[in-house]
Amino acid sequence: MKKGDIIWGILLASLLALFLIPSTRDPILIASEAHPYIGGFIKFAILATMGDILGKRIASGEYQLSVQVIMRAIVWGIIGCMVTLVFPVFMGGAGAAQAGGLLPFAGISFVQAFCGSSIMNLTFAPAMNTFHRVLDMWIEASANKESVNLRKIISQIDWVNFVTFNWLKVGIFFWIPVHTIVFLLPENLRVIVAAFCSIALGIILSFASKKSSSSPEIANNEGV
């Protein structure tokens, strides 16, 4: 275990403690309710970036800290704002569809959560993943002093791997079950739990990257 691993672990434990100790958790949740987009930005900017950093550490053996990390944290923060908005949209929409007879088993929370999670990860998530991938490649190209334009970035994406692995495997087998559980939690805890789950995703993707070194696209896939 390297010094960086110890520092990363201490930081994660400290963040977990903030949400487990009532004296710190309650003010954070109150502030997040008062300023939901700011709260979503900060949670994902910190936690999802930690997942990225750890994933790259597992894949490469070294921690990679640079200005790019800050730029990626900003992108994750923007995604945190998106998540803050779409969680109630899809969870509430699933409930409304059940009440209107468009989805089955109205009034059953688990079914509502599963339907909301499934619809979100099969519709919104692919668009968000693509947005994230394009910006990630943009950041990489800028750091390498390469010319950057949208057409070039889109043409460089390995769409077969991106769709089959990210949209389908990760979306269906990881995020749909995870978000089903998240949607069963109290509303004020959903975004923060999803942000913590993004750390687990970073670890999963790092091992997938190791097993599929011939497919670099996998190493840079994300989720909601």
Protein backbone atom coordinates (compact mmCIF):
# COMPACT_ATOMS: atom_id res chain seq x y z
CA MET A 1 0.00 0.00 0.00
CA LYS A 2 1.37 3.37 -1.02
CA LYS A 3 1.21 6.66 0.84
CA GLY A 4 -1.35 7.90 -1.67
CA ASP A 5 -3.64 4.96 -0.87
CA ILE A 6 -3.54 5.88 2.82
CA ILE A 7 -4.35 9.51 2.06
CA TRP A 8 -7.19 8.47 -0.27
CA GLY A 9 -8.59 6.12 2.38
CA ILE A 10 -8.42 8.76 5.11
CA LEU A 11 -10.21 11.25 2.87
CA LEU A 12 -12.98 8.75 2.09
CA ALA A 13 -13.35 7.84 5.77
CA SER A 14 -13.57 11.53 6.66
CA LEU A 15 -16.29 12.12 4.08
CA LEU A 16 -18.23 9.08 5.27
CA ALA A 17 -17.96 10.34 8.84
CA LEU A 18 -19.46 13.68 7.80
CA PHE A 19 -22.62 11.85 6.70
CA LEU A 20 -22.73 9.33 9.53
CA ILE A 21 -22.35 11.77 12.42
CA PRO A 22 -25.66 13.60 12.99
CA SER A 23 -23.98 16.86 14.10
CA THR A 24 -22.33 17.22 10.69
CA ARG A 25 -24.81 15.32 8.52
CA ASP A 26 -27.87 17.36 9.41
CA PRO A 27 -26.39 20.80 8.54
CA ILE A 28 -25.08 19.40 5.23
CA LEU A 29 -28.49 17.98 4.32
CA ILE A 30 -30.24 21.21 5.31
CA ALA A 31 -27.83 23.24 3.17
CA SER A 32 -28.29 20.82 0.27
CA GLU A 33 -32.07 21.14 0.47
CA ALA A 34 -31.77 24.93 0.47
CA HIS A 35 -29.30 24.91 -2.47
CA PRO A 36 -29.83 21.59 -4.29
CA TYR A 37 -27.81 22.32 -7.42
CA ILE A 38 -24.81 23.60 -5.47
CA GLY A 39 -25.05 20.57 -3.21
CA GLY A 40 -25.24 18.19 -6.18
CA PHE A 41 -22.29 19.89 -7.84
CA ILE A 42 -20.07 19.64 -4.77
CA LYS A 43 -21.00 16.03 -3.95
CA PHE A 44 -20.25 14.70 -7.41
CA ALA A 45 -17.24 16.95 -7.99
CA ILE A 46 -15.58 15.48 -4.90
CA LEU A 47 -16.79 11.88 -4.71
CA ALA A 48 -16.98 10.95 -8.39
CA THR A 49 -13.55 12.51 -8.95
CA MET A 50 -12.21 10.38 -6.11
CA GLY A 51 -13.59 7.35 -7.93
CA ASP A 52 -11.86 8.45 -11.13
CA ILE A 53 -8.55 8.95 -9.34
CA LEU A 54 -8.74 5.58 -7.61
CA GLY A 55 -9.75 3.83 -10.83
CA LYS A 56 -6.74 5.23 -12.68
CA ARG A 57 -4.52 4.27 -9.73
CA ILE A 58 -5.74 0.66 -9.92
CA ALA A 59 -5.38 0.54 -13.70
CA SER A 60 -1.96 2.21 -13.98
CA GLY A 61 -0.43 1.64 -10.55
CA GLU A 62 0.06 5.35 -9.92
CA TYR A 63 -2.05 8.31 -8.85
CA GLN A 64 -2.36 10.80 -11.68
CA LEU A 65 -2.92 14.30 -10.34
CA SER A 66 -2.87 17.28 -12.70
CA VAL A 67 -4.92 20.23 -13.89
CA GLN A 68 -6.97 17.69 -15.83
CA VAL A 69 -8.30 16.34 -12.52
CA ILE A 70 -9.72 19.77 -11.70
CA MET A 71 -11.34 20.04 -15.13
CA ARG A 72 -12.86 16.58 -14.78
CA ALA A 73 -14.12 17.50 -11.31
CA ILE A 74 -15.96 20.46 -12.84
CA VAL A 75 -17.53 18.15 -15.42
CA TRP A 76 -18.56 15.74 -12.66
CA GLY A 77 -20.05 18.68 -10.78
CA ILE A 78 -22.17 19.58 -13.80
CA ILE A 79 -23.34 15.97 -13.94
CA GLY A 80 -24.20 16.26 -10.25
CA CYS A 81 -26.51 19.15 -11.13
CA MET A 82 -28.10 17.01 -13.84
CA VAL A 83 -28.64 14.15 -11.40
CA THR A 84 -30.18 16.53 -8.87
CA LEU A 85 -32.79 17.46 -11.47
CA VAL A 86 -33.49 14.11 -13.13
CA PHE A 87 -33.86 11.99 -9.99
CA PRO A 88 -37.20 13.54 -8.97
CA VAL A 89 -38.24 13.79 -12.64
CA PHE A 90 -37.89 10.06 -13.31
CA MET A 91 -38.98 8.83 -9.88
CA GLY A 92 -41.99 11.15 -9.86
CA GLY A 93 -42.72 10.41 -13.51
CA ALA A 94 -42.78 6.67 -12.84
CA GLY A 95 -45.25 7.24 -10.00
CA ALA A 96 -47.46 9.39 -12.22
CA ALA A 97 -47.35 6.76 -14.98
CA GLN A 98 -48.36 4.08 -12.46
CA ALA A 99 -51.24 6.21 -11.23
CA GLY A 100 -52.37 6.73 -14.82
CA GLY A 101 -52.28 3.04 -15.64
CA LEU A 102 -49.25 3.34 -17.94
CA LEU A 103 -47.05 1.30 -15.62
CA PRO A 104 -48.18 -1.63 -13.39
CA PHE A 105 -48.49 -2.06 -9.63
CA ALA A 106 -49.38 1.49 -8.64
CA GLY A 107 -48.55 2.29 -5.04
CA ILE A 108 -45.76 -0.27 -4.72
CA SER A 109 -42.58 1.68 -3.97
CA PHE A 110 -40.15 -0.95 -5.23
CA VAL A 111 -41.84 -1.13 -8.63
CA GLN A 112 -41.90 2.65 -8.89
CA ALA A 113 -38.18 2.80 -8.02
CA PHE A 114 -37.32 0.04 -10.50
CA CYS A 115 -39.33 1.62 -13.30
CA GLY A 116 -37.90 5.08 -12.62
CA SER A 117 -34.36 3.71 -12.55
CA SER A 118 -34.84 1.63 -15.70
CA ILE A 119 -36.37 4.43 -17.75
CA MET A 120 -33.70 6.90 -16.60
CA ASN A 121 -30.79 4.59 -17.39
CA LEU A 122 -32.18 3.54 -20.76
CA THR A 123 -33.04 7.06 -21.96
CA PHE A 124 -31.30 9.91 -20.15
CA ALA A 125 -28.12 8.08 -19.09
CA PRO A 126 -26.78 7.32 -22.60
CA ALA A 127 -27.04 11.00 -23.55
CA MET A 128 -25.37 12.06 -20.31
CA ASN A 129 -22.62 9.44 -20.74
CA THR A 130 -21.92 10.72 -24.24
CA PHE A 131 -21.75 14.30 -22.98
CA HIS A 132 -19.27 13.16 -20.31
CA ARG A 133 -17.15 11.14 -22.74
CA VAL A 134 -16.91 14.01 -25.24
CA LEU A 135 -15.82 16.49 -22.56
CA ASP A 136 -13.34 13.97 -21.12
CA MET A 137 -11.73 13.52 -24.55
CA TRP A 138 -11.76 17.29 -25.02
CA ILE A 139 -9.84 17.73 -21.78
CA GLU A 140 -7.33 15.06 -22.79
CA ALA A 141 -6.78 16.61 -26.23
CA SER A 142 -6.32 20.08 -24.76
CA ALA A 143 -3.79 18.75 -22.24
CA ASN A 144 -1.83 17.14 -25.10
CA LYS A 145 -1.86 20.42 -27.04
CA GLU A 146 -3.88 18.83 -29.83
CA SER A 147 -6.36 20.66 -31.99
CA VAL A 148 -9.84 20.18 -30.59
CA ASN A 149 -13.14 20.11 -32.44
CA LEU A 150 -16.37 18.24 -31.88
CA ARG A 151 -16.34 16.35 -35.18
CA LYS A 152 -12.84 14.95 -34.51
CA ILE A 153 -13.73 13.87 -30.97
CA ILE A 154 -16.92 12.12 -32.06
CA SER A 155 -15.04 10.26 -34.80
CA GLN A 156 -12.47 8.98 -32.25
CA ILE A 157 -15.00 7.34 -29.95
CA ASP A 158 -15.15 3.57 -30.27
CA TRP A 159 -18.94 3.48 -30.49
CA VAL A 160 -19.22 -0.32 -30.46
CA ASN A 161 -17.46 -0.63 -27.11
CA PHE A 162 -19.02 2.55 -25.78
CA VAL A 163 -22.57 1.36 -26.47
CA THR A 164 -22.17 -2.31 -25.59
CA PHE A 165 -20.14 -1.78 -22.43
CA ASN A 166 -21.21 1.62 -21.10
CA TRP A 167 -24.80 1.97 -22.20
CA LEU A 168 -25.80 -1.66 -21.93
CA LYS A 169 -23.59 -3.62 -19.50
CA VAL A 170 -22.87 -0.84 -17.01
CA GLY A 171 -26.24 0.84 -17.41
CA ILE A 172 -28.34 -2.31 -17.08
CA PHE A 173 -26.33 -4.47 -14.68
CA PHE A 174 -24.86 -1.77 -12.44
CA TRP A 175 -26.84 1.45 -12.52
CA ILE A 176 -30.39 0.12 -12.82
CA PRO A 177 -30.06 -2.00 -9.64
CA VAL A 178 -28.10 0.74 -7.85
CA HIS A 179 -30.57 3.49 -8.68
CA THR A 180 -33.50 1.24 -7.78
CA ILE A 181 -32.05 1.07 -4.27
CA VAL A 182 -31.21 4.78 -4.30
CA PHE A 183 -34.79 5.68 -5.25
CA LEU A 184 -36.07 3.74 -2.23
CA LEU A 185 -34.09 6.01 0.09
CA PRO A 186 -35.40 9.31 1.50
CA GLU A 187 -35.24 11.99 -1.18
CA ASN A 188 -32.63 14.08 0.65
CA LEU A 189 -30.16 11.15 0.64
CA ARG A 190 -30.45 10.04 -2.97
CA VAL A 191 -27.91 12.32 -4.63
CA ILE A 192 -25.22 11.81 -2.01
CA VAL A 193 -25.62 8.01 -2.05
CA ALA A 194 -25.44 8.04 -5.87
CA ALA A 195 -22.26 10.11 -5.62
CA PHE A 196 -20.70 7.57 -3.24
CA CYS A 197 -21.73 4.77 -5.62
CA SER A 198 -19.74 6.45 -8.39
CA ILE A 199 -16.62 5.53 -6.40
CA ALA A 200 -17.54 1.86 -6.71
CA LEU A 201 -18.07 2.37 -10.43
CA GLY A 202 -14.56 3.78 -10.77
CA ILE A 203 -13.17 0.58 -9.22
CA ILE A 204 -15.29 -1.65 -11.47
CA LEU A 205 -14.18 0.22 -14.59
CA SER A 206 -10.53 0.01 -13.59
CA PHE A 207 -10.67 -3.80 -13.43
CA ALA A 208 -12.58 -3.89 -16.72
CA SER A 209 -9.84 -1.73 -18.22
CA LYS A 210 -7.15 -4.13 -17.02
CA LYS A 211 -8.95 -7.11 -18.54
CA SER A 212 -9.58 -5.28 -21.82
CA SER A 213 -6.39 -3.35 -22.43
CA SER A 214 -7.00 -3.61 -26.14
CA SER A 215 -10.18 -1.56 -25.69
CA PRO A 216 -9.13 1.78 -24.11
CA GLU A 217 -12.65 3.10 -24.41
CA ILE A 218 -13.70 1.02 -21.41
CA ALA A 219 -11.26 2.80 -19.12
CA ASN A 220 -13.07 6.08 -19.57
CA ASN A 221 -16.72 5.11 -19.29
CA GLU A 222 -18.99 6.58 -16.68
CA GLY A 223 -22.51 6.46 -15.35
CA VAL A 224 -25.09 8.67 -13.71
